[in-house]
C-alpha atoms as a PDB file:
ATOM      1  CA  UNK A   1      22.062 -13.155  15.649  1.00  0.00           C
ATOM      2  CA  UNK A   2      24.109 -13.479  12.401  1.00  0.00           C
ATOM      3  CA  UNK A   3      23.921 -17.319  12.210  1.00  0.00           C
ATOM      4  CA  UNK A   4      19.852 -17.059  11.828  1.00  0.00           C
ATOM      5  CA  UNK A   5      18.879 -18.984   8.957  1.00  0.00           C
ATOM      6  CA  UNK A   6      15.566 -19.841   7.234  1.00  0.00           C
ATOM      7  CA  UNK A   7      14.245 -22.003   4.508  1.00  0.00           C
ATOM      8  CA  UNK A   8      11.428 -20.008   3.594  1.00  0.00           C
ATOM      9  CA  UNK A   9       9.882 -16.256   4.142  1.00  0.00           C
ATOM     10  CA  UNK A  10       6.752 -14.755   4.519  1.00  0.00           C
ATOM     11  CA  UNK A  11       5.863 -11.540   2.478  1.00  0.00           C
ATOM     12  CA  UNK A  12       2.588  -9.705   1.415  1.00  0.00           C
ATOM     13  CA  UNK A  13       1.285 -10.126  -2.187  1.00  0.00           C
ATOM     14  CA  UNK A  14       1.909  -6.548  -2.915  1.00  0.00           C
ATOM     15  CA  UNK A  15       5.768  -7.109  -2.479  1.00  0.00           C
ATOM     16  CA  UNK A  16       5.805 -10.183  -3.800  1.00  0.00           C
ATOM     17  CA  UNK A  17       4.301  -8.425  -6.841  1.00  0.00           C
ATOM     18  CA  UNK A  18       7.266  -6.206  -7.001  1.00  0.00           C
ATOM     19  CA  UNK A  19       9.763  -9.116  -6.900  1.00  0.00           C
ATOM     20  CA  UNK A  20       7.745 -10.840  -9.838  1.00  0.00           C
ATOM     21  CA  UNK A  21       6.517 -13.676  -7.955  1.00  0.00           C
ATOM     22  CA  UNK A  22       3.152 -13.718  -8.031  1.00  0.00           C
ATOM     23  CA  UNK A  23       0.462 -13.210 -11.069  1.00  0.00           C
ATOM     24  CA  UNK A  24      -2.004 -10.310 -11.967  1.00  0.00           C
ATOM     25  CA  UNK A  25      -4.668 -12.372 -10.195  1.00  0.00           C
ATOM     26  CA  UNK A  26      -2.944 -13.036  -7.270  1.00  0.00           C
ATOM     27  CA  UNK A  27      -1.478  -9.629  -7.030  1.00  0.00           C
ATOM     28  CA  UNK A  28      -5.182  -8.452  -6.858  1.00  0.00           C
ATOM     29  CA  UNK A  29      -5.439  -9.285  -3.240  1.00  0.00           C
ATOM     30  CA  UNK A  30      -2.223  -6.910  -2.456  1.00  0.00           C
ATOM     31  CA  UNK A  31      -1.918  -7.847   1.215  1.00  0.00           C
ATOM     32  CA  UNK A  32      -2.561 -11.231   1.149  1.00  0.00           C
ATOM     33  CA  UNK A  33       0.497 -13.761   2.379  1.00  0.00           C
ATOM     34  CA  UNK A  34       3.057 -15.288   0.261  1.00  0.00           C
ATOM     35  CA  UNK A  35       5.653 -17.761   1.399  1.00  0.00           C
ATOM     36  CA  UNK A  36       8.687 -17.819  -0.947  1.00  0.00           C
ATOM     37  CA  UNK A  37      11.576 -20.100  -1.103  1.00  0.00           C
ATOM     38  CA  UNK A  38      14.769 -19.242  -2.486  1.00  0.00           C
ATOM     39  CA  UNK A  39      17.859 -21.572  -3.991  1.00  0.00           C
ATOM     40  CA  UNK A  40      19.707 -20.927  -0.743  1.00  0.00           C
ATOM     41  CA  UNK A  41      18.507 -20.690   2.956  1.00  0.00           C
ATOM     42  CA  UNK A  42      17.780 -16.910   3.981  1.00  0.00           C
ATOM     43  CA  UNK A  43      20.162 -14.859   6.117  1.00  0.00           C
ATOM     44  CA  UNK A  44      19.501 -11.938   8.192  1.00  0.00           C
ATOM     45  CA  UNK A  45      21.865 -10.116   5.370  1.00  0.00           C
ATOM     46  CA  UNK A  46      19.940 -11.870   2.481  1.00  0.00           C
ATOM     47  CA  UNK A  47      16.473 -11.365   3.825  1.00  0.00           C
ATOM     48  CA  UNK A  48      16.511  -7.588   4.438  1.00  0.00           C
ATOM     49  CA  UNK A  49      16.398  -6.425   0.708  1.00  0.00           C
ATOM     50  CA  UNK A  50      13.941  -8.686   0.207  1.00  0.00           C
ATOM     51  CA  UNK A  51      11.680  -7.372   2.895  1.00  0.00           C
ATOM     52  CA  UNK A  52      12.726  -3.499   2.462  1.00  0.00           C
ATOM     53  CA  UNK A  53      12.325  -1.971  -0.944  1.00  0.00           C
ATOM     54  CA  UNK A  54      14.619   1.038   0.204  1.00  0.00           C
ATOM     55  CA  UNK A  55      17.463  -1.462  -0.332  1.00  0.00           C
ATOM     56  CA  UNK A  56      16.183  -2.092  -4.262  1.00  0.00           C
ATOM     57  CA  UNK A  57      18.674   0.120  -5.605  1.00  0.00           C
ATOM     58  CA  UNK A  58      21.617  -1.384  -3.993  1.00  0.00           C
ATOM     59  CA  UNK A  59      20.561  -4.916  -4.275  1.00  0.00           C
ATOM     60  CA  UNK A  60      18.680  -4.956  -7.777  1.00  0.00           C
ATOM     61  CA  UNK A  61      19.153  -8.889  -8.280  1.00  0.00           C
ATOM     62  CA  UNK A  62      17.114 -10.831  -6.011  1.00  0.00           C
ATOM     63  CA  UNK A  63      16.179 -14.652  -6.463  1.00  0.00           C
ATOM     64  CA  UNK A  64      15.523 -16.992  -7.976  1.00  0.00           C
ATOM     65  CA  UNK A  65      12.357 -17.519  -5.701  1.00  0.00           C
ATOM     66  CA  UNK A  66       9.489 -19.839  -5.763  1.00  0.00           C
ATOM     67  CA  UNK A  67       6.118 -18.857  -4.198  1.00  0.00           C
ATOM     68  CA  UNK A  68       4.993 -21.961  -2.553  1.00  0.00           C
ATOM     69  CA  UNK A  69       1.733 -23.385  -1.283  1.00  0.00           C
ATOM     70  CA  UNK A  70       0.669 -21.876   2.300  1.00  0.00           C
ATOM     71  CA  UNK A  71      -1.040 -24.284   4.422  1.00  0.00           C
ATOM     72  CA  UNK A  72      -1.460 -22.141   7.448  1.00  0.00           C
ATOM     73  CA  UNK A  73      -2.966 -19.108   5.775  1.00  0.00           C
ATOM     74  CA  UNK A  74      -4.880 -17.721   8.914  1.00  0.00           C
ATOM     75  CA  UNK A  75      -1.737 -17.673  11.104  1.00  0.00           C
ATOM     76  CA  UNK A  76       0.265 -15.939   8.084  1.00  0.00           C
ATOM     77  CA  UNK A  77      -2.383 -13.227   7.644  1.00  0.00           C
ATOM     78  CA  UNK A  78      -2.470 -12.452  11.400  1.00  0.00           C
ATOM     79  CA  UNK A  79       1.346 -12.274  11.452  1.00  0.00           C
ATOM     80  CA  UNK A  80       1.034  -9.707   8.610  1.00  0.00           C
ATOM     81  CA  UNK A  81      -1.428  -7.726  10.448  1.00  0.00           C
ATOM     82  CA  UNK A  82       0.612  -7.688  13.788  1.00  0.00           C
ATOM     83  CA  UNK A  83       3.673  -6.212  11.683  1.00  0.00           C
ATOM     84  CA  UNK A  84       1.764  -3.585  10.681  1.00  0.00           C
ATOM     85  CA  UNK A  85       0.010  -2.619  13.847  1.00  0.00           C
ATOM     86  CA  UNK A  86       3.509  -2.994  15.257  1.00  0.00           C
ATOM     87  CA  UNK A  87       4.939  -0.378  12.693  1.00  0.00           C
ATOM     88  CA  UNK A  88       7.600  -2.971  11.188  1.00  0.00           C
ATOM     89  CA  UNK A  89       7.767  -4.560   7.700  1.00  0.00           C
ATOM     90  CA  UNK A  90       5.335  -7.243   6.699  1.00  0.00           C
ATOM     91  CA  UNK A  91       8.184  -9.644   6.127  1.00  0.00           C
ATOM     92  CA  UNK A  92       9.212 -12.938   8.314  1.00  0.00           C
ATOM     93  CA  UNK A  93      11.611 -15.455   8.064  1.00  0.00           C
ATOM     94  CA  UNK A  94       9.668 -18.661   8.571  1.00  0.00           C
ATOM     95  CA  UNK A  95      10.802 -20.942  11.310  1.00  0.00           C
ATOM     96  CA  UNK A  96      14.226 -19.762  11.458  1.00  0.00           C
ATOM     97  CA  UNK A  97      17.228 -21.422  13.102  1.00  0.00           C
ATOM     98  CA  UNK A  98      18.682 -20.194  16.244  1.00  0.00           C
ATOM     99  CA  UNK A  99      16.094 -17.625  16.536  1.00  0.00           C
ATOM    100  CA  UNK A 100      15.019 -17.844  20.201  1.00  0.00           C
ATOM    101  CA  UNK A 101      11.653 -19.064  21.661  1.00  0.00           C
ATOM    102  CA  UNK A 102       8.728 -19.130  19.776  1.00  0.00           C
ATOM    103  CA  UNK A 103       5.326 -17.307  20.368  1.00  0.00           C
ATOM    104  CA  UNK A 104       2.236 -18.474  18.864  1.00  0.00           C
ATOM    105  CA  UNK A 105       0.036 -16.006  17.330  1.00  0.00           C
ATOM    106  CA  UNK A 106      -3.621 -16.377  16.470  1.00  0.00           C
ATOM    107  CA  UNK A 107      -6.569 -14.732  14.503  1.00  0.00           C
ATOM    108  CA  UNK A 108      -8.147 -14.198  17.929  1.00  0.00           C
ATOM    109  CA  UNK A 109      -5.262 -12.022  18.742  1.00  0.00           C
ATOM    110  CA  UNK A 110      -6.101  -9.486  16.406  1.00  0.00           C
ATOM    111  CA  UNK A 111      -9.850  -9.405  17.163  1.00  0.00           C
ATOM    112  CA  UNK A 112      -8.940  -8.929  21.000  1.00  0.00           C
ATOM    113  CA  UNK A 113      -6.728  -6.056  20.019  1.00  0.00           C
ATOM    114  CA  UNK A 114      -9.361  -4.436  17.863  1.00  0.00           C
ATOM    115  CA  UNK A 115     -12.344  -4.547  20.232  1.00  0.00           C
ATOM    116  CA  UNK A 116     -13.324  -0.927  20.657  1.00  0.00           C
ATOM    117  CA  UNK A 117     -15.571  -1.976  23.813  1.00  0.00           C
ATOM    118  CA  UNK A 118     -12.629  -1.734  25.976  1.00  0.00           C
ATOM    119  CA  UNK A 119     -12.093   1.895  24.840  1.00  0.00           C
ATOM    120  CA  UNK A 120     -13.233   4.366  27.383  1.00  0.00           C
ATOM    121  CA  UNK A 121     -12.629   7.871  28.529  1.00  0.00           C
ATOM    122  CA  UNK A 122      -9.591   8.269  30.651  1.00  0.00           C
ATOM    123  CA  UNK A 123      -9.531  11.624  31.769  1.00  0.00           C
ATOM    124  CA  UNK A 124     -10.857  15.256  30.400  1.00  0.00           C
ATOM    125  CA  UNK A 125      -9.584  18.917  31.081  1.00  0.00           C
ATOM    126  CA  UNK A 126     -10.059  22.389  29.900  1.00  0.00           C
ATOM    127  CA  UNK A 127      -7.606  23.197  27.170  1.00  0.00           C
ATOM    128  CA  UNK A 128      -7.488  26.959  25.722  1.00  0.00           C
ATOM    129  CA  UNK A 129      -6.150  26.793  21.872  1.00  0.00           C
ATOM    130  CA  UNK A 130      -5.640  29.142  19.730  1.00  0.00           C
ATOM    131  CA  UNK A 131      -8.905  28.480  17.738  1.00  0.00           C
ATOM    132  CA  UNK A 132     -10.858  28.736  20.933  1.00  0.00           C
ATOM    133  CA  UNK A 133      -9.795  29.411  24.441  1.00  0.00           C
ATOM    134  CA  UNK A 134     -12.817  27.741  25.855  1.00  0.00           C
ATOM    135  CA  UNK A 135     -12.018  24.278  24.203  1.00  0.00           C
ATOM    136  CA  UNK A 136     -11.965  20.837  26.418  1.00  0.00           C
ATOM    137  CA  UNK A 137      -9.690  17.797  25.562  1.00  0.00           C
ATOM    138  CA  UNK A 138     -10.754  14.275  26.342  1.00  0.00           C
ATOM    139  CA  UNK A 139      -8.469  11.474  26.366  1.00  0.00           C
ATOM    140  CA  UNK A 140      -9.330   8.108  25.428  1.00  0.00           C
ATOM    141  CA  UNK A 141      -7.674   4.627  26.373  1.00  0.00           C
ATOM    142  CA  UNK A 142      -7.990   0.867  25.984  1.00  0.00           C
ATOM    143  CA  UNK A 143      -6.225  -1.709  28.310  1.00  0.00           C
ATOM    144  CA  UNK A 144      -5.295  -3.622  25.251  1.00  0.00           C
ATOM    145  CA  UNK A 145      -3.764  -0.861  23.041  1.00  0.00           C
ATOM    146  CA  UNK A 146      -0.697   1.549  23.955  1.00  0.00           C
ATOM    147  CA  UNK A 147      -2.192   4.518  22.042  1.00  0.00           C
ATOM    148  CA  UNK A 148      -3.963   6.989  23.590  1.00  0.00           C
ATOM    149  CA  UNK A 149      -6.503   8.984  21.197  1.00  0.00           C
ATOM    150  CA  UNK A 150      -7.964  12.433  22.317  1.00  0.00           C
ATOM    151  CA  UNK A 151     -10.875  14.648  21.124  1.00  0.00           C
ATOM    152  CA  UNK A 152     -11.221  18.274  21.390  1.00  0.00           C
ATOM    153  CA  UNK A 153     -14.425  19.867  21.642  1.00  0.00           C
ATOM    154  CA  UNK A 154     -15.294  23.278  20.341  1.00  0.00           C
ATOM    155  CA  UNK A 155     -18.137  25.058  21.740  1.00  0.00           C
ATOM    156  CA  UNK A 156     -21.033  23.804  23.890  1.00  0.00           C
ATOM    157  CA  UNK A 157     -22.210  20.263  23.581  1.00  0.00           C
ATOM    158  CA  UNK A 158     -25.938  20.364  23.186  1.00  0.00           C
ATOM    159  CA  UNK A 159     -27.999  17.315  22.531  1.00  0.00           C
ATOM    160  CA  UNK A 160     -30.144  19.109  19.676  1.00  0.00           C
ATOM    161  CA  UNK A 161     -27.232  20.474  17.844  1.00  0.00           C
ATOM    162  CA  UNK A 162     -25.198  18.184  15.299  1.00  0.00           C
ATOM    163  CA  UNK A 163     -21.467  18.980  15.670  1.00  0.00           C
ATOM    164  CA  UNK A 164     -19.064  19.571  13.054  1.00  0.00           C
ATOM    165  CA  UNK A 165     -16.700  16.551  13.371  1.00  0.00           C
ATOM    166  CA  UNK A 166     -13.022  16.446  11.895  1.00  0.00           C
ATOM    167  CA  UNK A 167     -11.615  12.670  11.930  1.00  0.00           C
ATOM    168  CA  UNK A 168      -8.029  13.467  11.874  1.00  0.00           C
ATOM    169  CA  UNK A 169      -4.869  10.822  12.115  1.00  0.00           C
ATOM    170  CA  UNK A 170      -1.636  11.929  13.819  1.00  0.00           C
ATOM    171  CA  UNK A 171       0.834  13.077  11.264  1.00  0.00           C
ATOM    172  CA  UNK A 172       4.091  14.111  13.146  1.00  0.00           C
ATOM    173  CA  UNK A 173       5.654  15.208  10.205  1.00  0.00           C
ATOM    174  CA  UNK A 174       2.500  17.445   9.062  1.00  0.00           C
ATOM    175  CA  UNK A 175       1.236  18.507  12.265  1.00  0.00           C
ATOM    176  CA  UNK A 176       4.154  19.205  14.394  1.00  0.00           C
ATOM    177  CA  UNK A 177       7.238  19.617  12.030  1.00  0.00           C
ATOM    178  CA  UNK A 178       5.102  21.734   9.277  1.00  0.00           C
ATOM    179  CA  UNK A 179       6.094  19.283   6.659  1.00  0.00           C
ATOM    180  CA  UNK A 180       5.053  20.312   3.238  1.00  0.00           C
ATOM    181  CA  UNK A 181       5.033  16.844   1.690  1.00  0.00           C
ATOM    182  CA  UNK A 182       1.319  16.701   2.738  1.00  0.00           C
ATOM    183  CA  UNK A 183      -1.730  18.905   3.876  1.00  0.00           C
ATOM    184  CA  UNK A 184      -2.197  17.593   7.151  1.00  0.00           C
ATOM    185  CA  UNK A 185      -0.973  20.581   9.420  1.00  0.00           C
ATOM    186  CA  UNK A 186      -3.199  23.090   7.292  1.00  0.00           C
ATOM    187  CA  UNK A 187      -6.119  21.007   7.455  1.00  0.00           C
ATOM    188  CA  UNK A 188      -5.766  20.339  11.284  1.00  0.00           C
ATOM    189  CA  UNK A 189      -5.709  23.968  11.945  1.00  0.00           C
ATOM    190  CA  UNK A 190      -8.597  25.027   9.478  1.00  0.00           C
ATOM    191  CA  UNK A 191     -10.828  22.549  10.847  1.00  0.00           C
ATOM    192  CA  UNK A 192     -10.138  23.950  14.490  1.00  0.00           C
ATOM    193  CA  UNK A 193     -11.116  27.350  13.189  1.00  0.00           C
ATOM    194  CA  UNK A 194     -13.928  26.195  11.190  1.00  0.00           C
ATOM    195  CA  UNK A 195     -15.549  24.708  14.497  1.00  0.00           C
ATOM    196  CA  UNK A 196     -14.908  27.740  16.524  1.00  0.00           C
ATOM    197  CA  UNK A 197     -16.537  29.831  13.680  1.00  0.00           C
ATOM    198  CA  UNK A 198     -19.500  27.388  13.733  1.00  0.00           C
ATOM    199  CA  UNK A 199     -19.691  28.231  17.326  1.00  0.00           C
ATOM    200  CA  UNK A 200     -19.470  32.069  17.471  1.00  0.00           C
ATOM    201  CA  UNK A 201     -21.753  32.417  14.208  1.00  0.00           C
ATOM    202  CA  UNK A 202     -24.435  29.529  14.552  1.00  0.00           C
ATOM    203  CA  UNK A 203     -24.428  28.775  18.319  1.00  0.00           C
ATOM    204  CA  UNK A 204     -23.016  25.289  17.235  1.00  0.00           C
ATOM    205  CA  UNK A 205     -19.994  23.085  18.487  1.00  0.00           C
ATOM    206  CA  UNK A 206     -17.405  20.866  17.053  1.00  0.00           C
ATOM    207  CA  UNK A 207     -15.207  17.528  17.807  1.00  0.00           C
ATOM    208  CA  UNK A 208     -11.805  16.981  16.509  1.00  0.00           C
ATOM    209  CA  UNK A 209     -11.220  13.176  16.851  1.00  0.00           C
ATOM    210  CA  UNK A 210      -7.074  13.202  16.941  1.00  0.00           C
ATOM    211  CA  UNK A 211      -6.322   9.494  16.223  1.00  0.00           C
ATOM    212  CA  UNK A 212      -2.827   7.907  17.131  1.00  0.00           C
ATOM    213  CA  UNK A 213      -2.801   5.877  13.679  1.00  0.00           C
ATOM    214  CA  UNK A 214       0.469   7.722  12.333  1.00  0.00           C
ATOM    215  CA  UNK A 215       0.933   7.238   8.303  1.00  0.00           C
ATOM    216  CA  UNK A 216      -2.743   6.109   7.589  1.00  0.00           C
ATOM    217  CA  UNK A 217      -2.118   3.158  10.140  1.00  0.00           C
ATOM    218  CA  UNK A 218       1.345   1.843   8.945  1.00  0.00           C
ATOM    219  CA  UNK A 219       3.409   3.784  11.640  1.00  0.00           C
ATOM    220  CA  UNK A 220       6.036   6.461  11.379  1.00  0.00           C
ATOM    221  CA  UNK A 221       8.967   4.325  10.429  1.00  0.00           C
ATOM    222  CA  UNK A 222       6.981   3.059   7.702  1.00  0.00           C
ATOM    223  CA  UNK A 223       6.074   6.355   6.512  1.00  0.00           C
ATOM    224  CA  UNK A 224       9.259   7.614   6.337  1.00  0.00           C
ATOM    225  CA  UNK A 225      10.349   4.560   4.230  1.00  0.00           C
ATOM    226  CA  UNK A 226       7.567   5.572   2.035  1.00  0.00           C
ATOM    227  CA  UNK A 227       8.731   8.860   1.988  1.00  0.00           C
ATOM    228  CA  UNK A 228      12.109   7.348   0.666  1.00  0.00           C
ATOM    229  CA  UNK A 229      10.344   5.622  -2.100  1.00  0.00           C
ATOM    230  CA  UNK A 230       8.534   8.719  -3.112  1.00  0.00           C
ATOM    231  CA  UNK A 231      11.936  10.810  -3.500  1.00  0.00           C
ATOM    232  CA  UNK A 232      12.808   7.827  -5.986  1.00  0.00           C
ATOM    233  CA  UNK A 233       9.924   8.702  -8.174  1.00  0.00           C
ATOM    234  CA  UNK A 234       6.713   6.487  -6.627  1.00  0.00           C
ATOM    235  CA  UNK A 235       3.588   7.818  -5.707  1.00  0.00           C
ATOM    236  CA  UNK A 236       1.928   7.369  -2.229  1.00  0.00           C
ATOM    237  CA  UNK A 237       0.014   4.687  -3.191  1.00  0.00           C
ATOM    238  CA  UNK A 238       2.988   2.935  -5.367  1.00  0.00           C
ATOM    239  CA  UNK A 239       5.353   3.468  -2.101  1.00  0.00           C
ATOM    240  CA  UNK A 240       3.120   1.404   0.146  1.00  0.00           C
ATOM    241  CA  UNK A 241       2.592  -1.349  -2.277  1.00  0.00           C
ATOM    242  CA  UNK A 242       6.476  -1.664  -2.546  1.00  0.00           C
ATOM    243  CA  UNK A 243       6.694  -1.836   0.882  1.00  0.00           C
ATOM    244  CA  UNK A 244       3.967  -4.617   1.073  1.00  0.00           C
ATOM    245  CA  UNK A 245       1.619  -2.013   3.316  1.00  0.00           C
ATOM    246  CA  UNK A 246      -1.843  -0.878   2.604  1.00  0.00           C
ATOM    247  CA  UNK A 247      -2.615   2.517   1.505  1.00  0.00           C
ATOM    248  CA  UNK A 248      -5.206   2.654   4.170  1.00  0.00           C
ATOM    249  CA  UNK A 249      -5.220   1.009   7.459  1.00  0.00           C
ATOM    250  CA  UNK A 250      -6.966   3.429   9.755  1.00  0.00           C
ATOM    251  CA  UNK A 251      -9.103   2.329  12.524  1.00  0.00           C
ATOM    252  CA  UNK A 252     -12.314   3.787  11.986  1.00  0.00           C
ATOM    253  CA  UNK A 253     -14.548   1.792  14.692  1.00  0.00           C
ATOM    254  CA  UNK A 254     -12.228   3.190  16.945  1.00  0.00           C
ATOM    255  CA  UNK A 255     -13.258   7.020  15.823  1.00  0.00           C
ATOM    256  CA  UNK A 256     -17.063   5.730  15.985  1.00  0.00           C
ATOM    257  CA  UNK A 257     -16.280   4.512  19.725  1.00  0.00           C
ATOM    258  CA  UNK A 258     -15.001   7.664  20.454  1.00  0.00           C
ATOM    259  CA  UNK A 259     -18.379   9.557  19.467  1.00  0.00           C
ATOM    260  CA  UNK A 260     -20.451   7.284  21.036  1.00  0.00           C
ATOM    261  CA  UNK A 261     -18.576   7.712  24.424  1.00  0.00           C
ATOM    262  CA  UNK A 262     -18.892  11.363  23.631  1.00  0.00           C
ATOM    263  CA  UNK A 263     -22.539  10.853  23.175  1.00  0.00           C
ATOM    264  CA  UNK A 264     -22.473  11.782  19.958  1.00  0.00           C
ATOM    265  CA  UNK A 265     -24.763   9.835  17.439  1.00  0.00           C
ATOM    266  CA  UNK A 266     -25.058  11.835  14.328  1.00  0.00           C
ATOM    267  CA  UNK A 267     -22.656  14.297  12.727  1.00  0.00           C
ATOM    268  CA  UNK A 268     -21.522  16.700  10.286  1.00  0.00           C
ATOM    269  CA  UNK A 269     -18.228  15.505   8.964  1.00  0.00           C
ATOM    270  CA  UNK A 270     -15.480  17.684   7.365  1.00  0.00           C
ATOM    271  CA  UNK A 271     -13.924  15.482   4.814  1.00  0.00           C
ATOM    272  CA  UNK A 272     -13.057  14.996   1.130  1.00  0.00           C
ATOM    273  CA  UNK A 273     -12.674  11.453   1.455  1.00  0.00           C
ATOM    274  CA  UNK A 274     -16.173   9.463   0.883  1.00  0.00           C
ATOM    275  CA  UNK A 275     -14.250   6.428   2.173  1.00  0.00           C
ATOM    276  CA  UNK A 276     -14.491   8.101   5.698  1.00  0.00           C
ATOM    277  CA  UNK A 277     -18.155   8.605   5.220  1.00  0.00           C
ATOM    278  CA  UNK A 278     -19.130   5.218   4.527  1.00  0.00           C
ATOM    279  CA  UNK A 279     -16.456   3.744   7.168  1.00  0.00           C
ATOM    280  CA  UNK A 280     -18.121   5.664   9.780  1.00  0.00           C
ATOM    281  CA  UNK A 281     -21.724   5.186   8.552  1.00  0.00           C
ATOM    282  CA  UNK A 282     -20.796   1.231   8.655  1.00  0.00           C
ATOM    283  CA  UNK A 283     -19.436   1.804  12.341  1.00  0.00           C
ATOM    284  CA  UNK A 284     -22.676   3.162  13.581  1.00  0.00           C
ATOM    285  CA  UNK A 285     -22.429   6.899  13.059  1.00  0.00           C
ATOM    286  CA  UNK A 286     -25.033   8.585  11.294  1.00  0.00           C
ATOM    287  CA  UNK A 287     -23.642  11.261   8.650  1.00  0.00           C
ATOM    288  CA  UNK A 288     -26.081  13.669   7.879  1.00  0.00           C
ATOM    289  CA  UNK A 289     -23.680  15.961   5.584  1.00  0.00           C
ATOM    290  CA  UNK A 290     -20.301  15.832   4.221  1.00  0.00           C
ATOM    291  CA  UNK A 291     -18.605  18.976   4.587  1.00  0.00           C
ATOM    292  CA  UNK A 292     -15.988  19.617   1.984  1.00  0.00           C
ATOM    293  CA  UNK A 293     -12.374  20.444   3.706  1.00  0.00           C
ATOM    294  CA  UNK A 294      -9.756  21.006   0.928  1.00  0.00           C
ATOM    295  CA  UNK A 295      -6.443  23.573   0.906  1.00  0.00           C
ATOM    296  CA  UNK A 296      -4.402  24.684  -1.719  1.00  0.00           C
ATOM    297  CA  UNK A 297      -1.582  22.597  -2.701  1.00  0.00           C
ATOM    298  CA  UNK A 298       2.169  23.404  -2.797  1.00  0.00           C
ATOM    299  CA  UNK A 299       5.189  22.474  -4.872  1.00  0.00           C
ATOM    300  CA  UNK A 300       5.879  19.791  -2.553  1.00  0.00           C
ATOM    301  CA  UNK A 301       2.598  18.238  -1.896  1.00  0.00           C
ATOM    302  CA  UNK A 302       0.777  18.677  -5.281  1.00  0.00           C
ATOM    303  CA  UNK A 303       1.643  15.056  -6.597  1.00  0.00           C
ATOM    304  CA  UNK A 304       0.517  13.599  -3.184  1.00  0.00           C
ATOM    305  CA  UNK A 305      -2.797  15.620  -3.279  1.00  0.00           C
ATOM    306  CA  UNK A 306      -3.331  14.072  -6.894  1.00  0.00           C
ATOM    307  CA  UNK A 307      -2.735  10.721  -5.849  1.00  0.00           C
ATOM    308  CA  UNK A 308      -5.149  11.047  -3.094  1.00  0.00           C
ATOM    309  CA  UNK A 309      -7.672  11.925  -5.791  1.00  0.00           C
ATOM    310  CA  UNK A 310      -6.958   9.753  -8.646  1.00  0.00           C
ATOM    311  CA  UNK A 311      -5.867   6.701  -6.799  1.00  0.00           C
ATOM    312  CA  UNK A 312      -7.824   7.267  -3.162  1.00  0.00           C
ATOM    313  CA  UNK A 313     -10.995   8.581  -4.382  1.00  0.00           C
ATOM    314  CA  UNK A 314     -10.874  11.597  -2.936  1.00  0.00           C
ATOM    315  CA  UNK A 315     -13.257  14.518  -3.926  1.00  0.00           C
ATOM    316  CA  UNK A 316     -12.192  18.175  -5.221  1.00  0.00           C
ATOM    317  CA  UNK A 317     -14.910  19.894  -3.145  1.00  0.00           C
END
């Protein structure tokens, strides 16, 4: 593959802004596609530092490049979105030589993948957990998506009692490994115990929606790439922008579909993120109450939590 070359590359506007290839108006749409051309054809070796900001310090001088008119914007947007879904960097060599057989993509590919109507309950079982030894786990799967989401129900589900719901996105580093860089693990644990307390004291119940969308939808590898940039001094949102990736790419309609399959129409949502309330409401879920859900910071995640508050609109209570 060392002989692969391309006259053009496709990157996101956010990455192009880092490379000083777009003006302020263009950069206002950070995930729009940008087509660039260099003085020489791109090889795999010269393309990688353009795509991956983790290589910026080792390859500080790039270009000169020129942003060109893009006549196939829909296909380009689809390509960038498919890259995010696949968990790879949103950058492509365009029509490269000696790259093998081409595979056509269309905007309809994204629509088919994101159709929540195909999501269904695959199985369910009793699952005693630390917070509640009578909990039940329900697994969801779609034939068009390899991700398997899960819901944990704590307490007795009743039609006349509104559940306490926590929408939690998968975080391997925080949920499993105990990372101090985020607050995901403690939030997960605290939400389960809050639901168990609700069941004990108020004869209520709760639902944890555990979504397989690591890194707010950018995937584990790209999340760790963002961690590398954070170690260089960039905040969470800035790191994602340098990668050319969105800060928020979670699939909230899937969460709404999960609730619908459980027969849940109205919820009390545990979150400090008003965008979650708005997204679920837009997807048809009635959120009757936002229940504050915040834990103390630590020296390793204080900046991360401040960024969520200052740049992502999270509330303090």
